[in-house]
Amino acid sequence: MPRSMLRDPEAERARILFPEDVNMAAVSRATKIPAATLHRYRQKSDGIPLEALRRIVKVRGLTDEEIVRIIRR
């Protein structure tokens, strides 16, 4: 069975974008995305618009490897 079938890609994406130790209020201020919207993205990460994803990635300083893992899932 392929590995992607064994994992929850949405949960992995959310874990990369919004780990437990991330300050959501700081990300909200830096991206100018409302905190409630960021929390919704954490719950349902496959519905993030590309522009919002770009801003989150930039503010969080994600590596190229992390970005590829987000997109490929």
C-alpha atoms as a PDB file:
ATOM      1  CA  MET A   1       0.000   0.000   0.000  1.00  0.00           C
ATOM      2  CA  PRO A   2       1.446   3.452  -0.890  1.00  0.00           C
ATOM      3  CA  ARG A   3       2.598   5.539   2.039  1.00  0.00           C
ATOM      4  CA  SER A   4       0.293   8.436   1.130  1.00  0.00           C
ATOM      5  CA  MET A   5      -2.710   6.191   1.755  1.00  0.00           C
ATOM      6  CA  LEU A   6      -1.563   5.512   5.316  1.00  0.00           C
ATOM      7  CA  ARG A   7      -1.188   9.141   6.372  1.00  0.00           C
ATOM      8  CA  ASP A   8      -3.650  11.960   6.612  1.00  0.00           C
ATOM      9  CA  PRO A   9      -2.231  14.516   4.138  1.00  0.00           C
ATOM     10  CA  GLU A  10      -4.408  17.325   5.485  1.00  0.00           C
ATOM     11  CA  ALA A  11      -3.182  16.775   9.051  1.00  0.00           C
ATOM     12  CA  GLU A  12       0.431  16.672   7.902  1.00  0.00           C
ATOM     13  CA  ARG A  13      -0.052  19.909   5.928  1.00  0.00           C
ATOM     14  CA  ALA A  14      -1.581  21.631   8.957  1.00  0.00           C
ATOM     15  CA  ARG A  15       1.231  20.343  11.190  1.00  0.00           C
ATOM     16  CA  ILE A  16       3.835  21.900   8.860  1.00  0.00           C
ATOM     17  CA  LEU A  17       2.036  25.229   8.485  1.00  0.00           C
ATOM     18  CA  PHE A  18       0.805  25.605  12.057  1.00  0.00           C
ATOM     19  CA  PRO A  19       2.829  23.539  14.558  1.00  0.00           C
ATOM     20  CA  GLU A  20       1.713  23.508  18.187  1.00  0.00           C
ATOM     21  CA  ASP A  21       4.284  26.133  19.239  1.00  0.00           C
ATOM     22  CA  VAL A  22       3.403  28.710  16.574  1.00  0.00           C
ATOM     23  CA  ASN A  23       1.968  32.007  17.803  1.00  0.00           C
ATOM     24  CA  MET A  24      -1.199  32.306  15.702  1.00  0.00           C
ATOM     25  CA  ALA A  25      -1.746  35.941  16.735  1.00  0.00           C
ATOM     26  CA  ALA A  26       1.722  36.882  15.480  1.00  0.00           C
ATOM     27  CA  VAL A  27       1.146  35.029  12.193  1.00  0.00           C
ATOM     28  CA  SER A  28      -2.206  36.789  11.875  1.00  0.00           C
ATOM     29  CA  ARG A  29      -0.637  40.223  12.351  1.00  0.00           C
ATOM     30  CA  ALA A  30       2.244  39.505   9.958  1.00  0.00           C
ATOM     31  CA  THR A  31       0.079  38.043   7.190  1.00  0.00           C
ATOM     32  CA  LYS A  32      -2.909  40.350   7.745  1.00  0.00           C
ATOM     33  CA  ILE A  33      -5.115  37.251   7.734  1.00  0.00           C
ATOM     34  CA  PRO A  34      -7.698  37.246  10.560  1.00  0.00           C
ATOM     35  CA  ALA A  35      -6.909  34.823  13.389  1.00  0.00           C
ATOM     36  CA  ALA A  36     -10.274  33.094  12.948  1.00  0.00           C
ATOM     37  CA  THR A  37      -9.418  32.419   9.311  1.00  0.00           C
ATOM     38  CA  LEU A  38      -6.013  30.989  10.270  1.00  0.00           C
ATOM     39  CA  HIS A  39      -7.713  28.679  12.767  1.00  0.00           C
ATOM     40  CA  ARG A  40     -10.078  27.544  10.020  1.00  0.00           C
ATOM     41  CA  TYR A  41      -7.064  26.876   7.773  1.00  0.00           C
ATOM     42  CA  ARG A  42      -5.530  24.814  10.588  1.00  0.00           C
ATOM     43  CA  GLN A  43      -8.689  22.680  10.740  1.00  0.00           C
ATOM     44  CA  LYS A  44      -9.150  22.368   6.966  1.00  0.00           C
ATOM     45  CA  SER A  45      -5.786  23.011   5.357  1.00  0.00           C
ATOM     46  CA  ASP A  46      -6.772  21.863   1.871  1.00  0.00           C
ATOM     47  CA  GLY A  47      -8.956  24.978   1.427  1.00  0.00           C
ATOM     48  CA  ILE A  48      -6.217  27.600   1.761  1.00  0.00           C
ATOM     49  CA  PRO A  49      -6.156  30.001  -1.207  1.00  0.00           C
ATOM     50  CA  LEU A  50      -2.794  30.246  -2.962  1.00  0.00           C
ATOM     51  CA  GLU A  51      -2.205  33.900  -2.014  1.00  0.00           C
ATOM     52  CA  ALA A  52      -2.865  33.172   1.665  1.00  0.00           C
ATOM     53  CA  LEU A  53      -0.599  30.126   1.509  1.00  0.00           C
ATOM     54  CA  ARG A  54       2.154  32.243  -0.039  1.00  0.00           C
ATOM     55  CA  ARG A  55       1.897  34.803   2.779  1.00  0.00           C
ATOM     56  CA  ILE A  56       1.871  32.145   5.501  1.00  0.00           C
ATOM     57  CA  VAL A  57       4.895  30.370   4.018  1.00  0.00           C
ATOM     58  CA  LYS A  58       6.813  33.641   3.773  1.00  0.00           C
ATOM     59  CA  VAL A  59       6.050  34.713   7.363  1.00  0.00           C
ATOM     60  CA  ARG A  60       6.750  31.244   8.801  1.00  0.00           C
ATOM     61  CA  GLY A  61      10.051  31.009   6.873  1.00  0.00           C
ATOM     62  CA  LEU A  62       9.396  27.471   5.680  1.00  0.00           C
ATOM     63  CA  THR A  63      12.116  25.577   3.846  1.00  0.00           C
ATOM     64  CA  ASP A  64      11.811  24.443   0.249  1.00  0.00           C
ATOM     65  CA  GLU A  65      11.422  20.862   1.478  1.00  0.00           C
ATOM     66  CA  GLU A  66       8.505  21.832   3.722  1.00  0.00           C
ATOM     67  CA  ILE A  67       6.836  23.756   0.894  1.00  0.00           C
ATOM     68  CA  VAL A  68       7.115  20.749  -1.420  1.00  0.00           C
ATOM     69  CA  ARG A  69       5.620  18.508   1.271  1.00  0.00           C
ATOM     70  CA  ILE A  70       2.672  20.912   1.624  1.00  0.00           C
ATOM     71  CA  ILE A  71       2.003  21.093  -2.107  1.00  0.00           C
ATOM     72  CA  ARG A  72       2.544  17.413  -2.943  1.00  0.00           C
ATOM     73  CA  ARG A  73       0.045  16.149  -0.370  1.00  0.00           C
END
